[in-house]
Amino acid sequence: MIRFLLIISFFITTAYSQELAIKNKINPQDFAYSIKNISTGESWSKDADKSFNFASVNKLITATIALDELGPDFKFRTLFFSSKQIKENTLAGDLIIKGEGDPTLSIENLKDIFYRLKARGINQITGNIFLDDSYFKFQPNPEYIDDLSYRAYNVQPKSLLVEAGAIEIQFFNQDNKLRLYNKPSIEGIEVINNLKITNQACEDWKSKIHPEVIFTDESMQVSLNGSFSKNCKNKSLYLNALDQDEYMKVAISNILNEVGIEFAGEIQKQGFADEELNSFVLLDEHFSDPLNQLMYQMNKYSLNLFSRNLALTAMKQKTEFDADEFNVDIYFKSWFEKKGINANEFFIENGAGLSRSSHANTFLFQEVLAFIEESDWKSEIISSLPIAGIDGTLKTMFKEKSFSNATHLKTGRLKNVFALSGFMKSSKGEEYIVTFVLNGPQYQSFLKFIEQSLDYLYQH
């Protein structure tokens, strides 16, 4: 009898999904989905074995592998070495800052370190300051997802950088006068407003701004060219600092002046072998928050640099592979093989899914979701996913729907790409794992299809 009811349920739900797709006029070749009722074992799918680009939904895979390999208590580390012993309040040698991939290292974190060095009696550094970012293999030719290299989502992975490699410009439009503020707010950063104020509608406002970043003599100049509509209310734009080493130099120079440590040397990039670092004096180290807390920001707001650095860090910690993005696909596939997950239709270019060539199928994501369901850190993953209509990248999507509060989904979106994958609990308390993907132009129609499908699952 139970088997008969499951078969009936399968045909009813599949028929309903097909009806919705036809009703919303979606090209059947452009989308796929997989749905499984964890409580009963029932499942429904369309083209579950067909390859699609899932964009940022791939961060769900990065998060899963990192938690499994590194553990929820893992913390990123930044090390501070001295090439000489401290004598008479002087670091009579070089200061080496060794990054190990922390995407959350901030100017405030660096200030804390230098104030601690000052408290230890260091009033002067007579040598140079070296920035060691050799933890990841250097990639000389960065590839951007589009021609907007100045946008923060295009910050490239790097084992030593500050403020996630970005600068926030805040726009305050008061009485038709535009005021700009930058974060971080330090003396070495100057923002020049060359924007022309217009009467145009405040649509696609970011595309009308053309930034230029110039570094000179330990200072950073950000020129904003283009236009800004007076019809725009307060806005915020995150910019890629582009030259991350120069950005770090500006930050450190400013901090040294604030803390009161004399320094007349140079700040420059240089890598050191582990054997050489072990011969130096470890002055201090900074640890990030644990991974299970950081995961919240990465998944809720789909942070690209974070997930790219995380994939490389996990690979560096757990394999003999060089930590560069050419090896991420090999590393992920080796993890799938260990877990018995079929990855024949899988390719990933970086841990963020920020790529036009990455692809997978909905069946793989269902297997990953099932793995999460059985893991010890299921709650960490689910709580890090955006809640439909409530927060993160789903804050304005599916608002006040029947399933809103009960649905946690990772989102992925590029031009002509939209995907969702995650967990939902129905009105009857049954748990579902769901994955939807569209590679085509019918975004609004597909969104309506997903909404109707989730509403049906929640209600029935």
Protein backbone atom coordinates (compact mmCIF):
# COMPACT_ATOMS: atom_id res chain seq x y z
CA MET A 1 0.00 0.00 0.00
CA ILE A 2 2.83 2.44 0.93
CA ARG A 3 4.64 1.62 -2.33
CA PHE A 4 1.43 2.27 -4.29
CA LEU A 5 0.97 5.67 -2.60
CA LEU A 6 4.59 6.62 -3.35
CA ILE A 7 4.12 5.76 -7.03
CA ILE A 8 0.91 7.83 -7.18
CA SER A 9 2.67 10.73 -5.43
CA PHE A 10 5.54 10.53 -7.92
CA PHE A 11 3.26 10.73 -10.94
CA ILE A 12 1.13 13.52 -9.48
CA THR A 13 4.15 15.68 -8.52
CA THR A 14 6.00 15.05 -11.80
CA ALA A 15 2.88 15.87 -13.82
CA TYR A 16 2.36 19.04 -11.79
CA SER A 17 5.97 20.14 -12.43
CA GLN A 18 5.58 19.56 -16.16
CA GLU A 19 2.35 21.54 -16.12
CA LEU A 20 4.09 24.45 -14.37
CA ALA A 21 6.96 24.45 -16.89
CA ILE A 22 4.53 24.59 -19.81
CA LYS A 23 2.42 27.24 -18.11
CA ASN A 24 5.47 29.47 -17.55
CA LYS A 25 6.70 28.94 -21.14
CA ILE A 26 10.20 27.79 -20.19
CA ASN A 27 12.34 26.15 -22.84
CA PRO A 28 12.56 22.52 -21.63
CA GLN A 29 16.18 22.27 -22.80
CA ASP A 30 17.25 25.16 -20.56
CA PHE A 31 16.45 23.86 -17.09
CA ALA A 32 16.63 20.92 -14.72
CA TYR A 33 15.60 20.11 -11.18
CA SER A 34 15.92 17.41 -8.54
CA ILE A 35 13.70 17.08 -5.47
CA LYS A 36 13.86 14.48 -2.73
CA ASN A 37 11.67 13.97 0.30
CA ILE A 38 14.18 12.90 2.95
CA SER A 39 11.40 11.77 5.26
CA THR A 40 9.85 9.30 2.79
CA GLY A 41 12.60 8.72 0.22
CA GLU A 42 10.41 9.94 -2.66
CA SER A 43 12.22 11.84 -5.41
CA TRP A 44 11.33 13.74 -8.58
CA SER A 45 13.62 15.14 -11.23
CA LYS A 46 14.02 16.43 -14.75
CA ASP A 47 17.31 16.05 -16.66
CA ALA A 48 19.13 15.30 -13.39
CA ASP A 49 22.15 13.94 -15.28
CA LYS A 50 22.47 16.86 -17.72
CA SER A 51 25.32 19.39 -17.26
CA PHE A 52 24.55 23.01 -16.40
CA ASN A 53 26.43 26.00 -15.03
CA PHE A 54 25.41 26.50 -11.38
CA ALA A 55 27.44 29.70 -10.73
CA SER A 56 27.69 30.49 -7.00
CA VAL A 57 25.73 27.41 -5.90
CA ASN A 58 29.18 25.79 -6.19
CA LYS A 59 30.04 27.58 -2.93
CA LEU A 60 27.86 24.95 -1.27
CA ILE A 61 30.34 22.31 -2.45
CA THR A 62 33.32 24.39 -1.31
CA ALA A 63 31.75 24.85 2.13
CA THR A 64 30.99 21.13 2.43
CA ILE A 65 34.49 20.01 1.46
CA ALA A 66 36.14 22.61 3.72
CA LEU A 67 34.06 21.63 6.75
CA ASP A 68 34.73 17.95 6.12
CA GLU A 69 38.46 18.41 5.54
CA LEU A 70 39.34 21.24 7.93
CA GLY A 71 36.61 20.96 10.55
CA PRO A 72 34.25 23.63 11.88
CA ASP A 73 36.87 24.91 14.37
CA PHE A 74 39.48 25.69 11.69
CA LYS A 75 40.90 29.23 11.80
CA PHE A 76 42.90 31.08 9.16
CA ARG A 77 46.28 32.27 10.39
CA THR A 78 48.60 35.22 9.66
CA LEU A 79 52.13 35.06 11.09
CA PHE A 80 54.53 37.86 12.05
CA PHE A 81 58.24 37.02 12.16
CA SER A 82 61.40 38.97 12.94
CA SER A 83 64.71 38.10 11.28
CA LYS A 84 66.55 39.32 14.42
CA GLN A 85 65.97 39.41 18.16
CA ILE A 86 64.50 42.56 19.68
CA LYS A 87 67.15 44.65 21.45
CA GLU A 88 66.78 47.96 23.29
CA ASN A 89 63.25 48.60 21.98
CA THR A 90 64.41 48.04 18.41
CA LEU A 91 63.61 45.33 15.92
CA ALA A 92 67.08 45.46 14.37
CA GLY A 93 66.14 43.41 11.35
CA ASP A 94 63.26 42.65 9.03
CA LEU A 95 59.61 42.09 9.84
CA ILE A 96 58.02 39.32 7.78
CA ILE A 97 54.24 39.02 7.49
CA LYS A 98 53.26 35.55 6.28
CA GLY A 99 49.70 35.12 5.00
CA GLU A 100 47.95 31.76 5.01
CA GLY A 101 44.83 32.67 3.08
CA ASP A 102 42.74 34.64 5.58
CA PRO A 103 40.09 36.50 3.52
CA THR A 104 38.84 38.33 6.61
CA LEU A 105 42.07 40.05 7.69
CA SER A 106 41.19 43.69 8.33
CA ILE A 107 43.02 46.92 9.01
CA GLU A 108 41.73 46.73 12.58
CA ASN A 109 43.30 43.27 12.93
CA LEU A 110 46.63 44.66 11.71
CA LYS A 111 46.35 47.59 14.12
CA ASP A 112 45.87 45.17 17.00
CA ILE A 113 49.04 43.30 16.00
CA PHE A 114 51.17 46.42 15.70
CA TYR A 115 49.83 47.83 18.97
CA ARG A 116 50.83 44.54 20.62
CA LEU A 117 54.32 44.87 19.10
CA LYS A 118 54.48 48.39 20.47
CA ALA A 119 53.39 47.12 23.91
CA ARG A 120 56.29 44.64 23.80
CA GLY A 121 58.64 47.60 23.59
CA ILE A 122 59.23 47.81 19.84
CA ASN A 123 59.60 51.50 19.01
CA GLN A 124 61.61 51.10 15.82
CA ILE A 125 62.07 48.69 12.91
CA THR A 126 65.46 49.20 11.24
CA GLY A 127 65.10 46.68 8.43
CA ASN A 128 62.39 46.16 5.82
CA ILE A 129 58.88 44.77 6.03
CA PHE A 130 58.32 41.80 3.74
CA LEU A 131 54.88 40.65 2.59
CA ASP A 132 54.99 36.88 2.08
CA ASP A 133 52.04 35.62 0.04
CA SER A 134 53.78 32.44 -1.18
CA TYR A 135 51.30 30.15 0.63
CA PHE A 136 49.29 30.08 -2.60
CA LYS A 137 51.07 29.55 -5.90
CA PHE A 138 51.40 32.81 -7.82
CA GLN A 139 49.07 33.07 -10.81
CA PRO A 140 50.50 35.72 -13.16
CA ASN A 141 47.53 36.25 -15.47
CA PRO A 142 44.30 36.81 -13.53
CA GLU A 143 41.10 35.90 -15.32
CA TYR A 144 38.04 38.04 -14.60
CA ILE A 145 34.44 36.92 -15.12
CA ASP A 146 33.79 40.11 -17.12
CA ASP A 147 35.53 43.30 -18.25
CA LEU A 148 34.68 45.09 -14.97
CA SER A 149 37.96 44.27 -13.22
CA TYR A 150 37.36 47.08 -10.73
CA ARG A 151 34.31 45.36 -9.20
CA ALA A 152 34.95 43.61 -5.88
CA TYR A 153 33.63 40.26 -7.07
CA ASN A 154 36.68 40.15 -9.36
CA VAL A 155 39.25 40.28 -6.52
CA GLN A 156 41.64 37.41 -7.19
CA PRO A 157 42.59 34.79 -4.57
CA LYS A 158 45.65 35.72 -2.57
CA SER A 159 47.11 34.36 0.67
CA LEU A 160 47.93 37.80 2.11
CA LEU A 161 45.56 40.71 1.58
CA VAL A 162 43.60 43.18 3.67
CA GLU A 163 39.90 44.12 3.75
CA ALA A 164 39.14 41.30 1.27
CA GLY A 165 41.07 43.34 -1.29
CA ALA A 166 38.24 45.86 -1.59
CA ILE A 167 37.28 49.43 -0.76
CA GLU A 168 33.70 50.42 -0.01
CA ILE A 169 32.50 53.76 -1.40
CA GLN A 170 29.34 55.06 0.25
CA PHE A 171 27.18 57.57 -1.64
CA PHE A 172 24.97 59.95 0.37
CA ASN A 173 22.63 62.11 -1.68
CA GLN A 174 21.33 64.97 0.45
CA ASP A 175 19.65 68.08 -0.93
CA ASN A 176 20.99 67.19 -4.40
CA LYS A 177 24.52 67.28 -3.01
CA LEU A 178 26.49 64.07 -3.28
CA ARG A 179 28.83 63.19 -0.42
CA LEU A 180 31.23 60.27 -0.61
CA TYR A 181 32.76 58.27 2.21
CA ASN A 182 35.21 55.43 1.98
CA LYS A 183 35.75 52.38 4.17
CA PRO A 184 38.32 51.70 5.40
CA SER A 185 38.74 55.34 6.34
CA ILE A 186 42.48 55.92 6.65
CA GLU A 187 44.69 58.87 5.75
CA GLY A 188 46.41 57.05 2.91
CA ILE A 189 43.22 56.66 0.88
CA GLU A 190 41.84 59.63 -1.06
CA VAL A 191 38.58 59.52 -3.03
CA ILE A 192 38.18 62.09 -5.81
CA ASN A 193 34.63 62.83 -6.93
CA ASN A 194 34.47 63.52 -10.67
CA LEU A 195 30.86 62.34 -10.98
CA LYS A 196 28.35 64.38 -12.93
CA ILE A 197 24.93 64.60 -11.26
CA THR A 198 22.05 63.77 -13.62
CA ASN A 199 18.25 63.54 -13.63
CA GLN A 200 18.20 60.01 -15.04
CA ALA A 201 16.33 57.19 -13.40
CA CYS A 202 18.31 55.33 -10.74
CA GLU A 203 18.54 52.12 -12.73
CA ASP A 204 21.74 50.19 -13.31
CA TRP A 205 23.51 53.02 -11.49
CA LYS A 206 26.72 51.05 -10.92
CA SER A 207 27.38 50.76 -14.67
CA LYS A 208 27.46 54.54 -14.96
CA ILE A 209 30.42 54.88 -12.57
CA HIS A 210 33.95 54.33 -13.89
CA PRO A 211 36.56 54.14 -11.12
CA GLU A 212 40.31 54.52 -11.50
CA VAL A 213 42.75 53.45 -8.78
CA ILE A 214 46.27 54.91 -8.63
CA PHE A 215 48.97 54.19 -6.02
CA THR A 216 51.67 56.79 -5.35
CA ASP A 217 54.19 57.08 -2.48
CA GLU A 218 52.35 54.95 0.08
CA SER A 219 48.98 56.51 -0.74
CA MET A 220 45.98 55.38 -2.73
CA GLN A 221 43.87 57.61 -4.95
CA VAL A 222 40.43 56.47 -6.13
CA SER A 223 38.91 58.65 -8.85
CA LEU A 224 35.22 58.18 -9.57
CA ASN A 225 34.34 59.22 -13.11
CA GLY A 226 31.01 59.04 -14.91
CA SER A 227 27.62 60.03 -13.55
CA PHE A 228 25.30 59.55 -10.57
CA SER A 229 21.57 60.26 -10.58
CA LYS A 230 20.08 62.58 -8.01
CA ASN A 231 17.13 60.19 -8.00
CA CYS A 232 19.34 57.58 -6.33
CA LYS A 233 19.10 57.35 -2.59
CA ASN A 234 22.01 56.28 -0.41
CA LYS A 235 24.10 53.64 -2.18
CA SER A 236 27.22 51.56 -1.61
CA LEU A 237 29.77 50.25 -4.11
CA TYR A 238 32.62 47.82 -3.39
CA LEU A 239 35.71 48.27 -5.56
CA ASN A 240 38.58 45.93 -6.26
CA ALA A 241 41.82 47.58 -5.08
CA LEU A 242 43.49 45.73 -8.01
CA ASP A 243 47.08 45.96 -6.70
CA GLN A 244 46.72 44.17 -3.39
CA ASP A 245 50.39 44.52 -2.40
CA GLU A 246 50.22 48.29 -2.78
CA TYR A 247 46.95 48.34 -0.83
CA MET A 248 48.67 46.45 2.00
CA LYS A 249 51.61 48.89 1.90
CA VAL A 250 49.26 51.86 2.28
CA ALA A 251 47.52 50.17 5.22
CA ILE A 252 50.75 49.24 7.04
CA SER A 253 52.36 52.66 6.51
CA ASN A 254 49.30 54.33 7.98
CA ILE A 255 49.21 51.94 10.94
CA LEU A 256 52.92 52.44 11.74
CA ASN A 257 52.34 56.21 11.89
CA GLU A 258 49.28 55.80 14.10
CA VAL A 259 50.93 53.34 16.49
CA GLY A 260 54.17 55.33 16.70
CA ILE A 261 56.71 52.80 15.45
CA GLU A 262 59.60 54.38 13.55
CA PHE A 263 60.27 52.82 10.18
CA ALA A 264 62.50 54.07 7.37
CA GLY A 265 62.82 50.89 5.32
CA GLU A 266 60.80 49.55 2.44
CA ILE A 267 57.63 47.47 2.38
CA GLN A 268 57.94 44.89 -0.37
CA LYS A 269 56.73 41.50 -1.48
CA GLN A 270 59.00 38.50 -0.90
CA GLY A 271 58.42 34.83 -0.24
CA PHE A 272 60.39 32.78 2.28
CA ALA A 273 60.90 29.02 2.52
CA ASP A 274 59.48 27.31 5.60
CA GLU A 275 63.01 26.37 6.72
CA GLU A 276 64.03 30.02 6.70
CA LEU A 277 60.91 31.15 8.53
CA ASN A 278 61.56 28.51 11.20
CA SER A 279 64.92 30.15 11.88
CA PHE A 280 63.25 33.50 12.55
CA VAL A 281 61.59 34.74 15.73
CA LEU A 282 57.79 34.34 15.76
CA LEU A 283 56.63 37.65 17.21
CA ASP A 284 52.86 37.26 16.96
CA GLU A 285 50.07 35.60 15.00
CA HIS A 286 46.52 36.50 14.15
CA PHE A 287 43.70 33.96 13.95
CA SER A 288 40.40 34.47 12.19
CA ASP A 289 37.06 33.47 13.66
CA PRO A 290 36.37 29.72 13.35
CA LEU A 291 35.16 28.39 10.02
CA ASN A 292 31.65 27.52 11.22
CA GLN A 293 31.12 31.21 12.03
CA LEU A 294 32.79 32.57 8.89
CA MET A 295 30.69 30.25 6.73
CA TYR A 296 27.64 32.38 7.56
CA GLN A 297 28.98 35.41 5.69
CA MET A 298 30.31 33.34 2.78
CA ASN A 299 27.04 31.61 1.99
CA LYS A 300 24.50 34.23 3.06
CA TYR A 301 26.12 36.91 0.90
CA SER A 302 27.90 34.70 -1.66
CA LEU A 303 31.41 36.06 -1.03
CA ASN A 304 33.62 35.12 -3.95
CA LEU A 305 37.09 35.85 -2.56
CA PHE A 306 36.26 33.98 0.65
CA SER A 307 35.24 30.80 -1.13
CA ARG A 308 38.15 30.94 -3.58
CA ASN A 309 40.66 31.36 -0.74
CA LEU A 310 38.92 28.65 1.28
CA ALA A 311 39.17 26.10 -1.53
CA LEU A 312 42.89 26.81 -1.95
CA THR A 313 43.53 26.72 1.79
CA ALA A 314 41.80 23.35 2.22
CA MET A 315 43.81 21.97 -0.71
CA LYS A 316 47.06 23.35 0.75
CA GLN A 317 46.33 21.89 4.17
CA LYS A 318 45.17 18.44 3.08
CA THR A 319 47.01 17.55 -0.16
CA GLU A 320 50.39 17.74 -1.85
CA PHE A 321 48.91 19.77 -4.73
CA ASP A 322 50.19 23.27 -5.45
CA ALA A 323 47.61 25.71 -4.09
CA ASP A 324 46.51 27.22 -7.37
CA GLU A 325 43.13 27.20 -9.06
CA PHE A 326 44.27 24.88 -11.84
CA ASN A 327 44.20 22.09 -9.23
CA VAL A 328 40.86 22.89 -7.57
CA ASP A 329 38.91 20.66 -9.97
CA ILE A 330 41.29 17.72 -9.35
CA TYR A 331 41.06 18.24 -5.58
CA PHE A 332 37.26 18.40 -5.53
CA LYS A 333 36.94 15.31 -7.73
CA SER A 334 39.30 13.37 -5.44
CA TRP A 335 37.06 14.31 -2.49
CA PHE A 336 33.94 13.17 -4.38
CA GLU A 337 35.63 9.87 -5.14
CA LYS A 338 36.44 9.31 -1.45
CA LYS A 339 32.81 9.96 -0.55
CA GLY A 340 31.38 7.79 -3.33
CA ILE A 341 29.74 10.72 -5.13
CA ASN A 342 29.47 10.49 -8.91
CA ALA A 343 31.26 13.50 -10.40
CA ASN A 344 31.45 12.41 -14.06
CA GLU A 345 29.61 15.55 -15.21
CA PHE A 346 31.48 17.92 -12.89
CA PHE A 347 34.07 20.59 -13.62
CA ILE A 348 34.94 23.59 -11.45
CA GLU A 349 37.31 26.44 -12.23
CA ASN A 350 37.44 28.03 -8.77
CA GLY A 351 35.86 27.59 -5.35
CA ALA A 352 33.36 30.41 -5.95
CA GLY A 353 31.77 29.07 -9.12
CA LEU A 354 32.62 32.44 -10.68
CA SER A 355 33.11 30.96 -14.11
CA ARG A 356 31.46 30.42 -17.48
CA SER A 357 33.05 26.98 -17.92
CA SER A 358 32.21 25.30 -14.58
CA HIS A 359 29.43 22.73 -14.82
CA ALA A 360 27.65 19.98 -12.88
CA ASN A 361 24.25 18.31 -12.77
CA THR A 362 21.41 18.43 -10.27
CA PHE A 363 22.02 14.81 -9.29
CA LEU A 364 25.48 15.72 -7.93
CA PHE A 365 24.05 18.53 -5.82
CA GLN A 366 21.40 16.18 -4.45
CA GLU A 367 24.18 13.81 -3.38
CA VAL A 368 26.08 16.66 -1.72
CA LEU A 369 22.92 17.78 0.10
CA ALA A 370 22.33 14.19 1.24
CA PHE A 371 25.92 14.07 2.53
CA ILE A 372 25.32 17.29 4.47
CA GLU A 373 22.10 15.83 5.87
CA GLU A 374 24.06 12.93 7.39
CA SER A 375 27.03 15.03 8.60
CA ASP A 376 27.83 16.22 12.13
CA TRP A 377 27.73 19.85 10.97
CA LYS A 378 24.40 19.85 9.14
CA SER A 379 23.12 22.70 11.31
CA GLU A 380 26.16 24.88 10.50
CA ILE A 381 25.60 24.53 6.75
CA ILE A 382 21.83 25.04 6.84
CA SER A 383 22.03 28.08 9.12
CA SER A 384 24.60 29.64 6.77
CA LEU A 385 22.27 29.46 3.76
CA PRO A 386 19.99 32.38 2.86
CA ILE A 387 16.41 32.07 4.13
CA ALA A 388 13.81 32.65 1.43
CA GLY A 389 12.36 36.16 1.69
CA ILE A 390 14.27 36.90 4.89
CA ASP A 391 18.02 37.47 4.48
CA GLY A 392 21.19 37.23 2.41
CA THR A 393 20.87 36.85 -1.35
CA LEU A 394 17.24 35.70 -0.91
CA LYS A 395 16.11 38.72 1.10
CA THR A 396 13.99 40.15 -1.72
CA MET A 397 13.07 36.80 -3.31
CA PHE A 398 10.00 34.73 -2.33
CA LYS A 399 8.87 37.27 0.24
CA GLU A 400 5.80 36.34 2.30
CA LYS A 401 5.31 33.01 0.56
CA SER A 402 3.98 29.93 2.32
CA PHE A 403 7.45 28.34 2.37
CA SER A 404 9.54 31.45 3.08
CA ASN A 405 10.67 30.86 6.66
CA ALA A 406 11.07 27.14 6.09
CA THR A 407 13.45 27.25 3.11
CA HIS A 408 17.25 27.63 3.16
CA LEU A 409 18.83 27.85 -0.30
CA LYS A 410 22.22 28.73 -1.79
CA THR A 411 21.81 30.98 -4.81
CA GLY A 412 23.85 31.27 -7.99
CA ARG A 413 23.42 33.86 -10.70
CA LEU A 414 25.27 35.03 -13.79
CA LYS A 415 23.90 36.38 -17.06
CA ASN A 416 21.55 33.64 -18.36
CA VAL A 417 22.38 31.45 -15.36
CA PHE A 418 20.22 31.01 -12.26
CA ALA A 419 20.34 28.19 -9.72
CA LEU A 420 19.14 27.33 -6.21
CA SER A 421 20.01 24.39 -4.00
CA GLY A 422 19.27 23.60 -0.37
CA PHE A 423 16.74 22.47 2.20
CA MET A 424 13.03 22.96 2.89
CA LYS A 425 10.69 21.72 5.62
CA SER A 426 7.03 21.33 4.58
CA SER A 427 3.95 22.31 6.57
CA LYS A 428 3.71 18.65 7.62
CA GLY A 429 7.26 18.68 8.98
CA GLU A 430 8.72 16.63 6.12
CA GLU A 431 12.25 17.57 5.00
CA TYR A 432 13.15 18.09 1.35
CA ILE A 433 16.42 18.65 -0.48
CA VAL A 434 15.88 20.64 -3.68
CA THR A 435 17.99 21.83 -6.61
CA PHE A 436 16.85 23.99 -9.54
CA VAL A 437 18.97 25.33 -12.40
CA LEU A 438 18.31 27.42 -15.52
CA ASN A 439 20.86 28.17 -18.25
CA GLY A 440 18.81 30.48 -20.45
CA PRO A 441 17.20 33.93 -20.62
CA GLN A 442 13.83 33.13 -19.02
CA TYR A 443 14.78 34.13 -15.47
CA GLN A 444 11.45 35.61 -14.38
CA SER A 445 9.48 32.66 -15.74
CA PHE A 446 11.81 30.18 -14.07
CA LEU A 447 11.58 32.06 -10.78
CA LYS A 448 7.80 31.73 -10.97
CA PHE A 449 8.19 28.01 -11.71
CA ILE A 450 10.40 27.55 -8.62
CA GLU A 451 8.00 29.55 -6.46
CA GLN A 452 5.02 27.45 -7.53
CA SER A 453 6.96 24.21 -7.13
CA LEU A 454 8.13 25.03 -3.61
CA ASP A 455 4.67 26.22 -2.63
CA TYR A 456 3.20 22.92 -3.84
CA LEU A 457 5.81 20.88 -1.92
CA TYR A 458 5.28 22.93 1.21
CA GLN A 459 1.50 22.59 1.10
CA HIS A 460 1.24 18.96 -0.04
